[in-house]
């Protein structure tokens, strides 16, 4: 059974860092692009970052460029999101999602993703 499990969320002060992990099981991880999305209270879910199946292509939302870094370890079936210089507006539930791709293309569009994790809460507050 395909499963995505996020971890690493928590409470952090502004300017702090967190590293989120997305552990995958039940499918051939190497064939899937992975995206990170987030949803803040009262707001629509938005794309944060995504990475192609090989890790050779990445994309970032303008709001996180220069602060967040996405990476993957296909040997461990895991994608990471390193979040630095966190701001209160980064507070949200963060989700990872998987998109089957026969190529190394990666899409930032939520509708392209077929499988979703349950989410992990990130709260940035002093």
PDB file of N, CA and C in Angstrom:
ATOM      1  N   UNK A   1       0.850  -1.185   0.000  1.00  0.00           N
ATOM      2  CA  UNK A   1       0.000   0.000   0.000  1.00  0.00           C
ATOM      3  C   UNK A   1       0.889   1.240   0.000  1.00  0.00           C
ATOM      4  N   UNK A   2       0.611   2.158  -0.939  1.00  0.00           N
ATOM      5  CA  UNK A   2       1.410   3.375  -1.039  1.00  0.00           C
ATOM      6  C   UNK A   2       1.167   4.249   0.178  1.00  0.00           C
ATOM      7  N   UNK A   3       2.261   4.748   0.754  1.00  0.00           N
ATOM      8  CA  UNK A   3       2.137   5.562   1.950  1.00  0.00           C
ATOM      9  C   UNK A   3       3.211   6.635   1.958  1.00  0.00           C
ATOM     10  N   UNK A   4       2.812   7.824   2.367  1.00  0.00           N
ATOM     11  CA  UNK A   4       3.732   8.943   2.583  1.00  0.00           C
ATOM     12  C   UNK A   4       3.537   9.416   4.018  1.00  0.00           C
ATOM     13  N   UNK A   5       4.634   9.543   4.746  1.00  0.00           N
ATOM     14  CA  UNK A   5       4.554   9.949   6.142  1.00  0.00           C
ATOM     15  C   UNK A   5       5.509  11.118   6.374  1.00  0.00           C
ATOM     16  N   UNK A   6       4.929  12.262   6.764  1.00  0.00           N
ATOM     17  CA  UNK A   6       5.732  13.439   7.070  1.00  0.00           C
ATOM     18  C   UNK A   6       6.122  13.441   8.539  1.00  0.00           C
ATOM     19  N   UNK A   7       7.270  14.021   8.816  1.00  0.00           N
ATOM     20  CA  UNK A   7       7.724  14.189  10.203  1.00  0.00           C
ATOM     21  C   UNK A   7       8.656  15.385  10.271  1.00  0.00           C
ATOM     22  N   UNK A   8       8.943  15.814  11.490  1.00  0.00           N
ATOM     23  CA  UNK A   8       9.895  16.899  11.685  1.00  0.00           C
ATOM     24  C   UNK A   8       9.281  18.243  12.002  1.00  0.00           C
ATOM     25  N   UNK A   9       7.959  18.315  11.978  1.00  0.00           N
ATOM     26  CA  UNK A   9       7.316  19.580  12.319  1.00  0.00           C
ATOM     27  C   UNK A   9       7.438  19.883  13.803  1.00  0.00           C
ATOM     28  N   UNK A  10       7.022  21.103  14.162  1.00  0.00           N
ATOM     29  CA  UNK A  10       7.069  21.491  15.563  1.00  0.00           C
ATOM     30  C   UNK A  10       6.966  22.985  15.718  1.00  0.00           C
ATOM     31  N   UNK A  11       7.273  23.430  16.927  1.00  0.00           N
ATOM     32  CA  UNK A  11       7.243  24.847  17.271  1.00  0.00           C
ATOM     33  C   UNK A  11       8.665  25.391  17.234  1.00  0.00           C
ATOM     34  N   UNK A  12       8.843  26.501  16.537  1.00  0.00           N
ATOM     35  CA  UNK A  12      10.164  27.102  16.416  1.00  0.00           C
ATOM     36  C   UNK A  12      10.016  28.621  16.467  1.00  0.00           C
ATOM     37  N   UNK A  13      11.015  29.288  16.974  1.00  0.00           N
ATOM     38  CA  UNK A  13      10.990  30.752  17.032  1.00  0.00           C
ATOM     39  C   UNK A  13      11.313  31.347  15.658  1.00  0.00           C
ATOM     40  N   UNK A  14      10.845  32.543  15.400  1.00  0.00           N
ATOM     41  CA  UNK A  14      11.224  33.223  14.140  1.00  0.00           C
ATOM     42  C   UNK A  14      12.732  33.268  13.979  1.00  0.00           C
ATOM     43  N   UNK A  15      13.176  32.989  12.754  1.00  0.00           N
ATOM     44  CA  UNK A  15      14.603  32.915  12.474  1.00  0.00           C
ATOM     45  C   UNK A  15      15.194  31.543  12.659  1.00  0.00           C
ATOM     46  N   UNK A  16      14.431  30.641  13.232  1.00  0.00           N
ATOM     47  CA  UNK A  16      14.910  29.293  13.476  1.00  0.00           C
ATOM     48  C   UNK A  16      14.809  28.391  12.255  1.00  0.00           C
ATOM     49  N   UNK A  17      15.158  27.122  12.466  1.00  0.00           N
ATOM     50  CA  UNK A  17      15.182  26.149  11.375  1.00  0.00           C
ATOM     51  C   UNK A  17      14.472  24.861  11.774  1.00  0.00           C
ATOM     52  N   UNK A  18      13.956  24.199  10.774  1.00  0.00           N
ATOM     53  CA  UNK A  18      13.396  22.852  10.921  1.00  0.00           C
ATOM     54  C   UNK A  18      13.718  22.071   9.662  1.00  0.00           C
ATOM     55  N   UNK A  19      13.805  20.756   9.805  1.00  0.00           N
ATOM     56  CA  UNK A  19      13.935  19.895   8.630  1.00  0.00           C
ATOM     57  C   UNK A  19      12.781  18.905   8.633  1.00  0.00           C
ATOM     58  N   UNK A  20      11.978  18.993   7.606  1.00  0.00           N
ATOM     59  CA  UNK A  20      10.872  18.049   7.432  1.00  0.00           C
ATOM     60  C   UNK A  20      11.345  16.857   6.605  1.00  0.00           C
ATOM     61  N   UNK A  21      10.785  15.708   6.926  1.00  0.00           N
ATOM     62  CA  UNK A  21      11.060  14.492   6.161  1.00  0.00           C
ATOM     63  C   UNK A  21       9.756  13.927   5.626  1.00  0.00           C
ATOM     64  N   UNK A  22       9.841  13.327   4.465  1.00  0.00           N
ATOM     65  CA  UNK A  22       8.702  12.633   3.858  1.00  0.00           C
ATOM     66  C   UNK A  22       9.186  11.239   3.502  1.00  0.00           C
ATOM     67  N   UNK A  23       8.755  10.256   4.267  1.00  0.00           N
ATOM     68  CA  UNK A  23       9.169   8.873   4.053  1.00  0.00           C
ATOM     69  C   UNK A  23       8.117   8.139   3.243  1.00  0.00           C
ATOM     70  N   UNK A  24       8.551   7.493   2.173  1.00  0.00           N
ATOM     71  CA  UNK A  24       7.633   6.818   1.260  1.00  0.00           C
ATOM     72  C   UNK A  24       7.780   5.308   1.352  1.00  0.00           C
ATOM     73  N   UNK A  25       6.682   4.618   1.137  1.00  0.00           N
ATOM     74  CA  UNK A  25       6.713   3.158   1.092  1.00  0.00           C
ATOM     75  C   UNK A  25       5.585   2.662   0.207  1.00  0.00           C
ATOM     76  N   UNK A  26       5.750   1.435  -0.302  1.00  0.00           N
ATOM     77  CA  UNK A  26       4.689   0.807  -1.065  1.00  0.00           C
ATOM     78  C   UNK A  26       4.676   1.125  -2.545  1.00  0.00           C
ATOM     79  N   UNK A  27       5.692   1.840  -3.046  1.00  0.00           N
ATOM     80  CA  UNK A  27       5.758   2.122  -4.473  1.00  0.00           C
ATOM     81  C   UNK A  27       7.206   2.365  -4.874  1.00  0.00           C
ATOM     82  N   UNK A  28       7.437   2.375  -6.187  1.00  0.00           N
ATOM     83  CA  UNK A  28       8.794   2.571  -6.698  1.00  0.00           C
ATOM     84  C   UNK A  28       9.134   4.049  -6.636  1.00  0.00           C
ATOM     85  N   UNK A  29       9.769   4.420  -5.576  1.00  0.00           N
ATOM     86  CA  UNK A  29      10.012   5.819  -5.250  1.00  0.00           C
ATOM     87  C   UNK A  29      10.749   6.555  -6.353  1.00  0.00           C
ATOM     88  N   UNK A  30      11.662   5.867  -7.015  1.00  0.00           N
ATOM     89  CA  UNK A  30      12.515   6.506  -8.016  1.00  0.00           C
ATOM     90  C   UNK A  30      11.721   7.059  -9.203  1.00  0.00           C
ATOM     91  N   UNK A  31      10.499   6.619  -9.383  1.00  0.00           N
ATOM     92  CA  UNK A  31       9.697   7.049 -10.531  1.00  0.00           C
ATOM     93  C   UNK A  31       8.791   8.241 -10.214  1.00  0.00           C
ATOM     94  N   UNK A  32       8.886   8.731  -9.008  1.00  0.00           N
ATOM     95  CA  UNK A  32       7.929   9.747  -8.583  1.00  0.00           C
ATOM     96  C   UNK A  32       8.614  11.069  -8.258  1.00  0.00           C
ATOM     97  N   UNK A  33       8.044  12.144  -8.785  1.00  0.00           N
ATOM     98  CA  UNK A  33       8.374  13.469  -8.294  1.00  0.00           C
ATOM     99  C   UNK A  33       7.658  13.667  -6.964  1.00  0.00           C
ATOM    100  N   UNK A  34       8.260  14.456  -6.097  1.00  0.00           N
ATOM    101  CA  UNK A  34       7.670  14.715  -4.782  1.00  0.00           C
ATOM    102  C   UNK A  34       7.523  16.220  -4.585  1.00  0.00           C
ATOM    103  N   UNK A  35       6.382  16.604  -4.077  1.00  0.00           N
ATOM    104  CA  UNK A  35       6.136  18.012  -3.791  1.00  0.00           C
ATOM    105  C   UNK A  35       5.818  18.241  -2.332  1.00  0.00           C
ATOM    106  N   UNK A  36       6.174  19.414  -1.857  1.00  0.00           N
ATOM    107  CA  UNK A  36       5.752  19.868  -0.531  1.00  0.00           C
ATOM    108  C   UNK A  36       4.734  20.995  -0.720  1.00  0.00           C
ATOM    109  N   UNK A  37       3.657  20.890   0.019  1.00  0.00           N
ATOM    110  CA  UNK A  37       2.589  21.881   0.000  1.00  0.00           C
ATOM    111  C   UNK A  37       2.281  22.271   1.441  1.00  0.00           C
ATOM    112  N   UNK A  38       1.625  23.403   1.616  1.00  0.00           N
ATOM    113  CA  UNK A  38       1.258  23.793   2.980  1.00  0.00           C
ATOM    114  C   UNK A  38      -0.097  24.478   2.977  1.00  0.00           C
ATOM    115  N   UNK A  39      -0.746  24.404   4.113  1.00  0.00           N
ATOM    116  CA  UNK A  39      -2.039  25.053   4.267  1.00  0.00           C
ATOM    117  C   UNK A  39      -2.084  25.723   5.625  1.00  0.00           C
ATOM    118  N   UNK A  40      -2.227  27.039   5.597  1.00  0.00           N
ATOM    119  CA  UNK A  40      -2.357  27.814   6.820  1.00  0.00           C
ATOM    120  C   UNK A  40      -3.837  27.930   7.185  1.00  0.00           C
ATOM    121  N   UNK A  41      -4.157  28.186   8.446  1.00  0.00           N
ATOM    122  CA  UNK A  41      -5.564  28.314   8.852  1.00  0.00           C
ATOM    123  C   UNK A  41      -6.279  29.381   8.043  1.00  0.00           C
ATOM    124  N   UNK A  42      -7.434  29.010   7.493  1.00  0.00           N
ATOM    125  CA  UNK A  42      -8.240  29.953   6.742  1.00  0.00           C
ATOM    126  C   UNK A  42      -7.743  30.257   5.347  1.00  0.00           C
ATOM    127  N   UNK A  43      -6.701  29.541   4.908  1.00  0.00           N
ATOM    128  CA  UNK A  43      -6.140  29.794   3.580  1.00  0.00           C
ATOM    129  C   UNK A  43      -6.161  28.529   2.736  1.00  0.00           C
ATOM    130  N   UNK A  44      -6.048  28.702   1.435  1.00  0.00           N
ATOM    131  CA  UNK A  44      -5.976  27.562   0.531  1.00  0.00           C
ATOM    132  C   UNK A  44      -4.588  26.930   0.598  1.00  0.00           C
ATOM    133  N   UNK A  45      -4.554  25.662   0.259  1.00  0.00           N
ATOM    134  CA  UNK A  45      -3.267  24.977   0.205  1.00  0.00           C
ATOM    135  C   UNK A  45      -2.432  25.558  -0.929  1.00  0.00           C
ATOM    136  N   UNK A  46      -1.131  25.690  -0.697  1.00  0.00           N
ATOM    137  CA  UNK A  46      -0.246  26.263  -1.702  1.00  0.00           C
ATOM    138  C   UNK A  46       1.008  25.414  -1.846  1.00  0.00           C
ATOM    139  N   UNK A  47       1.590  25.473  -3.020  1.00  0.00           N
ATOM    140  CA  UNK A  47       2.835  24.762  -3.258  1.00  0.00           C
ATOM    141  C   UNK A  47       4.010  25.465  -2.616  1.00  0.00           C
ATOM    142  N   UNK A  48       4.926  24.690  -2.077  1.00  0.00           N
ATOM    143  CA  UNK A  48       6.120  25.220  -1.433  1.00  0.00           C
ATOM    144  C   UNK A  48       7.363  24.907  -2.268  1.00  0.00           C
ATOM    145  N   UNK A  49       7.518  23.622  -2.583  1.00  0.00           N
ATOM    146  CA  UNK A  49       8.692  23.195  -3.327  1.00  0.00           C
ATOM    147  C   UNK A  49       8.424  21.809  -3.893  1.00  0.00           C
ATOM    148  N   UNK A  50       9.176  21.454  -4.923  1.00  0.00           N
ATOM    149  CA  UNK A  50       9.029  20.123  -5.495  1.00  0.00           C
ATOM    150  C   UNK A  50      10.355  19.689  -6.106  1.00  0.00           C
ATOM    151  N   UNK A  51      10.504  18.376  -6.252  1.00  0.00           N
ATOM    152  CA  UNK A  51      11.766  17.817  -6.746  1.00  0.00           C
ATOM    153  C   UNK A  51      11.459  16.666  -7.684  1.00  0.00           C
ATOM    154  N   UNK A  52      12.218  16.587  -8.760  1.00  0.00           N
ATOM    155  CA  UNK A  52      11.996  15.542  -9.755  1.00  0.00           C
ATOM    156  C   UNK A  52      12.438  14.185  -9.223  1.00  0.00           C
ATOM    157  N   UNK A  53      12.112  13.146  -9.968  1.00  0.00           N
ATOM    158  CA  UNK A  53      12.380  11.780  -9.519  1.00  0.00           C
ATOM    159  C   UNK A  53      13.864  11.530  -9.268  1.00  0.00           C
ATOM    160  N   UNK A  54      14.719  12.119 -10.082  1.00  0.00           N
ATOM    161  CA  UNK A  54      16.164  11.927  -9.911  1.00  0.00           C
ATOM    162  C   UNK A  54      16.770  12.919  -8.924  1.00  0.00           C
ATOM    163  N   UNK A  55      16.035  13.971  -8.633  1.00  0.00           N
ATOM    164  CA  UNK A  55      16.566  15.057  -7.809  1.00  0.00           C
ATOM    165  C   UNK A  55      17.259  16.124  -8.617  1.00  0.00           C
ATOM    166  N   UNK A  56      17.282  15.945  -9.937  1.00  0.00           N
ATOM    167  CA  UNK A  56      18.006  16.881 -10.782  1.00  0.00           C
ATOM    168  C   UNK A  56      17.292  18.192 -11.045  1.00  0.00           C
ATOM    169  N   UNK A  57      16.006  18.237 -10.774  1.00  0.00           N
ATOM    170  CA  UNK A  57      15.232  19.454 -11.003  1.00  0.00           C
ATOM    171  C   UNK A  57      14.429  19.793  -9.757  1.00  0.00           C
ATOM    172  N   UNK A  58      14.489  21.063  -9.354  1.00  0.00           N
ATOM    173  CA  UNK A  58      13.736  21.515  -8.193  1.00  0.00           C
ATOM    174  C   UNK A  58      13.049  22.838  -8.512  1.00  0.00           C
ATOM    175  N   UNK A  59      11.971  23.096  -7.808  1.00  0.00           N
ATOM    176  CA  UNK A  59      11.256  24.355  -7.942  1.00  0.00           C
ATOM    177  C   UNK A  59      10.844  24.837  -6.554  1.00  0.00           C
ATOM    178  N   UNK A  60      10.741  26.165  -6.419  1.00  0.00           N
ATOM    179  CA  UNK A  60      10.392  26.768  -5.141  1.00  0.00           C
ATOM    180  C   UNK A  60       9.378  27.884  -5.356  1.00  0.00           C
ATOM    181  N   UNK A  61       8.490  28.026  -4.390  1.00  0.00           N
ATOM    182  CA  UNK A  61       7.637  29.206  -4.372  1.00  0.00           C
ATOM    183  C   UNK A  61       8.491  30.427  -4.076  1.00  0.00           C
ATOM    184  N   UNK A  62       8.095  31.570  -4.618  1.00  0.00           N
ATOM    185  CA  UNK A  62       8.873  32.795  -4.406  1.00  0.00           C
ATOM    186  C   UNK A  62       9.019  33.119  -2.919  1.00  0.00           C
ATOM    187  N   UNK A  63       8.005  32.780  -2.146  1.00  0.00           N
ATOM    188  CA  UNK A  63       8.005  33.129  -0.729  1.00  0.00           C
ATOM    189  C   UNK A  63       9.049  32.372   0.084  1.00  0.00           C
ATOM    190  N   UNK A  64       9.584  31.272  -0.467  1.00  0.00           N
ATOM    191  CA  UNK A  64      10.544  30.467   0.294  1.00  0.00           C
ATOM    192  C   UNK A  64      11.917  30.385  -0.365  1.00  0.00           C
ATOM    193  N   UNK A  65      12.049  30.959  -1.543  1.00  0.00           N
ATOM    194  CA  UNK A  65      13.333  30.900  -2.252  1.00  0.00           C
ATOM    195  C   UNK A  65      14.441  31.514  -1.406  1.00  0.00           C
ATOM    196  N   UNK A  66      15.566  30.816  -1.350  1.00  0.00           N
ATOM    197  CA  UNK A  66      16.692  31.287  -0.567  1.00  0.00           C
ATOM    198  C   UNK A  66      16.634  30.894   0.892  1.00  0.00           C
ATOM    199  N   UNK A  67      15.482  30.390   1.346  1.00  0.00           N
ATOM    200  CA  UNK A  67      15.343  29.983   2.751  1.00  0.00           C
ATOM    201  C   UNK A  67      15.130  28.475   2.885  1.00  0.00           C
ATOM    202  N   UNK A  68      14.423  27.881   1.938  1.00  0.00           N
ATOM    203  CA  UNK A  68      14.108  26.454   1.983  1.00  0.00           C
ATOM    204  C   UNK A  68      14.926  25.715   0.929  1.00  0.00           C
ATOM    205  N   UNK A  69      15.288  24.480   1.259  1.00  0.00           N
ATOM    206  CA  UNK A  69      15.996  23.625   0.318  1.00  0.00           C
ATOM    207  C   UNK A  69      15.368  22.235   0.328  1.00  0.00           C
ATOM    208  N   UNK A  70      15.004  21.766  -0.855  1.00  0.00           N
ATOM    209  CA  UNK A  70      14.437  20.425  -0.986  1.00  0.00           C
ATOM    210  C   UNK A  70      15.519  19.478  -1.492  1.00  0.00           C
ATOM    211  N   UNK A  71      15.498  18.252  -0.996  1.00  0.00           N
ATOM    212  CA  UNK A  71      16.456  17.240  -1.441  1.00  0.00           C
ATOM    213  C   UNK A  71      15.810  15.867  -1.281  1.00  0.00           C
ATOM    214  N   UNK A  72      16.427  14.873  -1.883  1.00  0.00           N
ATOM    215  CA  UNK A  72      15.894  13.520  -1.747  1.00  0.00           C
ATOM    216  C   UNK A  72      17.026  12.506  -1.687  1.00  0.00           C
ATOM    217  N   UNK A  73      16.754  11.413  -1.015  1.00  0.00           N
ATOM    218  CA  UNK A  73      17.667  10.279  -0.930  1.00  0.00           C
ATOM    219  C   UNK A  73      16.882   9.073  -1.393  1.00  0.00           C
ATOM    220  N   UNK A  74      17.057   8.693  -2.642  1.00  0.00           N
ATOM    221  CA  UNK A  74      16.266   7.594  -3.203  1.00  0.00           C
ATOM    222  C   UNK A  74      16.622   6.255  -2.562  1.00  0.00           C
ATOM    223  N   UNK A  75      17.816   6.135  -2.021  1.00  0.00           N
ATOM    224  CA  UNK A  75      18.183   4.891  -1.333  1.00  0.00           C
ATOM    225  C   UNK A  75      17.386   4.719  -0.048  1.00  0.00           C
ATOM    226  N   UNK A  76      16.942   5.842   0.527  1.00  0.00           N
ATOM    227  CA  UNK A  76      16.157   5.798   1.765  1.00  0.00           C
ATOM    228  C   UNK A  76      14.684   6.088   1.526  1.00  0.00           C
ATOM    229  N   UNK A  77      14.287   6.263   0.261  1.00  0.00           N
ATOM    230  CA  UNK A  77      12.884   6.579  -0.062  1.00  0.00           C
ATOM    231  C   UNK A  77      12.378   7.783   0.743  1.00  0.00           C
ATOM    232  N   UNK A  78      13.203   8.804   0.810  1.00  0.00           N
ATOM    233  CA  UNK A  78      12.866   9.951   1.650  1.00  0.00           C
ATOM    234  C   UNK A  78      13.196  11.261   0.937  1.00  0.00           C
ATOM    235  N   UNK A  79      12.302  12.222   1.106  1.00  0.00           N
ATOM    236  CA  UNK A  79      12.523  13.590   0.641  1.00  0.00           C
ATOM    237  C   UNK A  79      12.577  14.491   1.858  1.00  0.00           C
ATOM    238  N   UNK A  80      13.448  15.480   1.797  1.00  0.00           N
ATOM    239  CA  UNK A  80      13.633  16.404   2.914  1.00  0.00           C
ATOM    240  C   UNK A  80      13.292  17.829   2.483  1.00  0.00           C
ATOM    241  N   UNK A  81      12.865  18.607   3.441  1.00  0.00           N
ATOM    242  CA  UNK A  81      12.677  20.037   3.227  1.00  0.00           C
ATOM    243  C   UNK A  81      13.373  20.752   4.380  1.00  0.00           C
ATOM    244  N   UNK A  82      14.528  21.320   4.079  1.00  0.00           N
ATOM    245  CA  UNK A  82      15.264  22.095   5.069  1.00  0.00           C
ATOM    246  C   UNK A  82      14.728  23.517   5.056  1.00  0.00           C
ATOM    247  N   UNK A  83      14.242  23.963   6.195  1.00  0.00           N
ATOM    248  CA  UNK A  83      13.611  25.282   6.285  1.00  0.00           C
ATOM    249  C   UNK A  83      14.424  26.148   7.243  1.00  0.00           C
ATOM    250  N   UNK A  84      15.005  27.191   6.714  1.00  0.00           N
ATOM    251  CA  UNK A  84      15.810  28.120   7.507  1.00  0.00           C
ATOM    252  C   UNK A  84      15.149  29.499   7.530  1.00  0.00           C
ATOM    253  N   UNK A  85      15.596  30.326   8.449  1.00  0.00           N
ATOM    254  CA  UNK A  85      15.088  31.699   8.568  1.00  0.00           C
ATOM    255  C   UNK A  85      13.567  31.715   8.578  1.00  0.00           C
ATOM    256  N   UNK A  86      12.995  30.865   9.386  1.00  0.00           N
ATOM    257  CA  UNK A  86      11.547  30.728   9.404  1.00  0.00           C
ATOM    258  C   UNK A  86      10.868  31.991   9.893  1.00  0.00           C
ATOM    259  N   UNK A  87       9.703  32.245   9.310  1.00  0.00           N
ATOM    260  CA  UNK A  87       8.904  33.429   9.624  1.00  0.00           C
ATOM    261  C   UNK A  87       7.543  32.986  10.150  1.00  0.00           C
ATOM    262  N   UNK A  88       6.866  33.838  10.892  1.00  0.00           N
ATOM    263  CA  UNK A  88       5.518  33.469  11.362  1.00  0.00           C
ATOM    264  C   UNK A  88       4.578  33.091  10.222  1.00  0.00           C
ATOM    265  N   UNK A  89       4.748  33.692   9.077  1.00  0.00           N
ATOM    266  CA  UNK A  89       3.872  33.373   7.945  1.00  0.00           C
ATOM    267  C   UNK A  89       4.152  32.010   7.332  1.00  0.00           C
ATOM    268  N   UNK A  90       5.191  31.328   7.791  1.00  0.00           N
ATOM    269  CA  UNK A  90       5.437  29.951   7.373  1.00  0.00           C
ATOM    270  C   UNK A  90       4.600  28.953   8.185  1.00  0.00           C
ATOM    271  N   UNK A  91       3.929  29.429   9.188  1.00  0.00           N
ATOM    272  CA  UNK A  91       3.092  28.558  10.014  1.00  0.00           C
ATOM    273  C   UNK A  91       1.992  27.926   9.172  1.00  0.00           C
ATOM    274  N   UNK A  92       1.934  26.606   9.194  1.00  0.00           N
ATOM    275  CA  UNK A  92       0.970  25.874   8.375  1.00  0.00           C
ATOM    276  C   UNK A  92       1.118  24.383   8.650  1.00  0.00           C
ATOM    277  N   UNK A  93       0.173  23.618   8.128  1.00  0.00           N
ATOM    278  CA  UNK A  93       0.347  22.171   8.038  1.00  0.00           C
ATOM    279  C   UNK A  93       1.053  21.900   6.712  1.00  0.00           C
ATOM    280  N   UNK A  94       2.141  21.160   6.781  1.00  0.00           N
ATOM    281  CA  UNK A  94       2.931  20.859   5.598  1.00  0.00           C
ATOM    282  C   UNK A  94       2.660  19.421   5.156  1.00  0.00           C
ATOM    283  N   UNK A  95       2.385  19.273   3.872  1.00  0.00           N
ATOM    284  CA  UNK A  95       2.077  17.978   3.278  1.00  0.00           C
ATOM    285  C   UNK A  95       3.099  17.637   2.200  1.00  0.00           C
ATOM    286  N   UNK A  96       3.444  16.362   2.104  1.00  0.00           N
ATOM    287  CA  UNK A  96       4.182  15.934   0.932  1.00  0.00           C
ATOM    288  C   UNK A  96       3.252  15.105   0.057  1.00  0.00           C
ATOM    289  N   UNK A  97       3.565  15.084  -1.234  1.00  0.00           N
ATOM    290  CA  UNK A  97       2.719  14.395  -2.198  1.00  0.00           C
ATOM    291  C   UNK A  97       3.595  13.812  -3.298  1.00  0.00           C
ATOM    292  N   UNK A  98       3.087  12.762  -3.940  1.00  0.00           N
ATOM    293  CA  UNK A  98       3.846  12.048  -4.967  1.00  0.00           C
ATOM    294  C   UNK A  98       3.120  12.103  -6.302  1.00  0.00           C
ATOM    295  N   UNK A  99       3.906  12.295  -7.344  1.00  0.00           N
ATOM    296  CA  UNK A  99       3.395  12.410  -8.706  1.00  0.00           C
ATOM    297  C   UNK A  99       4.194  11.466  -9.593  1.00  0.00           C
ATOM    298  N   UNK A 100       3.524  10.437 -10.163  1.00  0.00           N
ATOM    299  CA  UNK A 100       4.238   9.501 -11.022  1.00  0.00           C
ATOM    300  C   UNK A 100       4.688  10.208 -12.292  1.00  0.00           C
ATOM    301  N   UNK A 101       5.973  10.024 -12.616  1.00  0.00           N
ATOM    302  CA  UNK A 101       6.528  10.637 -13.811  1.00  0.00           C
ATOM    303  C   UNK A 101       7.428   9.649 -14.535  1.00  0.00           C
ATOM    304  N   UNK A 102       7.228   9.550 -15.830  1.00  0.00           N
ATOM    305  CA  UNK A 102       8.125   8.735 -16.642  1.00  0.00           C
ATOM    306  C   UNK A 102       9.328   9.506 -17.104  1.00  0.00           C
ATOM    307  N   UNK A 103       9.412  10.772 -16.702  1.00  0.00           N
ATOM    308  CA  UNK A 103      10.542  11.611 -17.084  1.00  0.00           C
ATOM    309  C   UNK A 103      11.034  12.327 -15.840  1.00  0.00           C
ATOM    310  N   UNK A 104      12.003  13.199 -16.019  1.00  0.00           N
ATOM    311  CA  UNK A 104      12.557  13.932 -14.882  1.00  0.00           C
ATOM    312  C   UNK A 104      11.883  15.283 -14.710  1.00  0.00           C
ATOM    313  N   UNK A 105      10.735  15.471 -15.350  1.00  0.00           N
ATOM    314  CA  UNK A 105       9.995  16.723 -15.190  1.00  0.00           C
ATOM    315  C   UNK A 105       9.359  16.769 -13.815  1.00  0.00           C
ATOM    316  N   UNK A 106       9.235  17.959 -13.252  1.00  0.00           N
ATOM    317  CA  UNK A 106       8.544  18.123 -11.986  1.00  0.00           C
ATOM    318  C   UNK A 106       7.541  19.256 -12.119  1.00  0.00           C
ATOM    319  N   UNK A 107       6.333  19.015 -11.624  1.00  0.00           N
ATOM    320  CA  UNK A 107       5.265  19.997 -11.708  1.00  0.00           C
ATOM    321  C   UNK A 107       4.998  20.631 -10.342  1.00  0.00           C
ATOM    322  N   UNK A 108       4.813  21.952 -10.311  1.00  0.00           N
ATOM    323  CA  UNK A 108       4.459  22.603  -9.048  1.00  0.00           C
ATOM    324  C   UNK A 108       2.949  22.602  -8.777  1.00  0.00           C
ATOM    325  N   UNK A 109       2.161  22.008  -9.697  1.00  0.00           N
ATOM    326  CA  UNK A 109       0.711  22.095  -9.614  1.00  0.00           C
ATOM    327  C   UNK A 109       0.140  20.997  -8.732  1.00  0.00           C
ATOM    328  N   UNK A 110      -0.640  21.411  -7.775  1.00  0.00           N
ATOM    329  CA  UNK A 110      -1.225  20.475  -6.807  1.00  0.00           C
ATOM    330  C   UNK A 110      -2.035  19.379  -7.497  1.00  0.00           C
ATOM    331  N   UNK A 111      -2.739  19.717  -8.547  1.00  0.00           N
ATOM    332  CA  UNK A 111      -3.623  18.754  -9.209  1.00  0.00           C
ATOM    333  C   UNK A 111      -2.858  17.612  -9.864  1.00  0.00           C
ATOM    334  N   UNK A 112      -1.567  17.785 -10.076  1.00  0.00           N
ATOM    335  CA  UNK A 112      -0.752  16.744 -10.713  1.00  0.00           C
ATOM    336  C   UNK A 112      -0.396  15.623  -9.742  1.00  0.00           C
ATOM    337  N   UNK A 113      -0.578  15.849  -8.458  1.00  0.00           N
ATOM    338  CA  UNK A 113      -0.114  14.904  -7.448  1.00  0.00           C
ATOM    339  C   UNK A 113      -1.232  13.950  -7.043  1.00  0.00           C
ATOM    340  N   UNK A 114      -0.883  12.665  -7.027  1.00  0.00           N
ATOM    341  CA  UNK A 114      -1.885  11.626  -6.840  1.00  0.00           C
ATOM    342  C   UNK A 114      -1.986  11.119  -5.405  1.00  0.00           C
ATOM    343  N   UNK A 115      -0.879  11.154  -4.687  1.00  0.00           N
ATOM    344  CA  UNK A 115      -0.839  10.550  -3.358  1.00  0.00           C
ATOM    345  C   UNK A 115      -0.327  11.581  -2.358  1.00  0.00           C
ATOM    346  N   UNK A 116      -0.960  11.592  -1.200  1.00  0.00           N
ATOM    347  CA  UNK A 116      -0.687  12.619  -0.199  1.00  0.00           C
ATOM    348  C   UNK A 116      -0.442  11.997   1.171  1.00  0.00           C
ATOM    349  N   UNK A 117       0.427  12.656   1.937  1.00  0.00           N
ATOM    350  CA  UNK A 117       0.608  12.284   3.328  1.00  0.00           C
ATOM    351  C   UNK A 117      -0.426  12.959   4.204  1.00  0.00           C
ATOM    352  N   UNK A 118      -0.320  12.717   5.513  1.00  0.00           N
ATOM    353  CA  UNK A 118      -1.314  13.226   6.447  1.00  0.00           C
ATOM    354  C   UNK A 118      -0.978  14.624   6.954  1.00  0.00           C
ATOM    355  N   UNK A 119       0.233  15.062   6.734  1.00  0.00           N
ATOM    356  CA  UNK A 119       0.645  16.410   7.119  1.00  0.00           C
ATOM    357  C   UNK A 119       1.361  16.461   8.453  1.00  0.00           C
ATOM    358  N   UNK A 120       2.177  17.507   8.610  1.00  0.00           N
ATOM    359  CA  UNK A 120       2.859  17.772   9.873  1.00  0.00           C
ATOM    360  C   UNK A 120       2.772  19.274  10.154  1.00  0.00           C
ATOM    361  N   UNK A 121       2.504  19.613  11.403  1.00  0.00           N
ATOM    362  CA  UNK A 121       2.280  21.007  11.777  1.00  0.00           C
ATOM    363  C   UNK A 121       3.614  21.716  11.997  1.00  0.00           C
ATOM    364  N   UNK A 122       3.741  22.880  11.398  1.00  0.00           N
ATOM    365  CA  UNK A 122       4.882  23.764  11.651  1.00  0.00           C
ATOM    366  C   UNK A 122       4.337  25.068  12.200  1.00  0.00           C
ATOM    367  N   UNK A 123       4.806  25.457  13.364  1.00  0.00           N
ATOM    368  CA  UNK A 123       4.368  26.697  13.988  1.00  0.00           C
ATOM    369  C   UNK A 123       5.598  27.551  14.276  1.00  0.00           C
ATOM    370  N   UNK A 124       5.583  28.766  13.734  1.00  0.00           N
ATOM    371  CA  UNK A 124       6.689  29.701  13.944  1.00  0.00           C
ATOM    372  C   UNK A 124       6.168  30.847  14.800  1.00  0.00           C
ATOM    373  N   UNK A 125       6.636  30.898  16.024  1.00  0.00           N
ATOM    374  CA  UNK A 125       6.111  31.874  16.966  1.00  0.00           C
ATOM    375  C   UNK A 125       7.110  32.094  18.083  1.00  0.00           C
ATOM    376  N   UNK A 126       7.117  33.319  18.597  1.00  0.00           N
ATOM    377  CA  UNK A 126       7.964  33.618  19.746  1.00  0.00           C
ATOM    378  C   UNK A 126       7.182  33.469  21.044  1.00  0.00           C
TER     379      UNK A 126
END
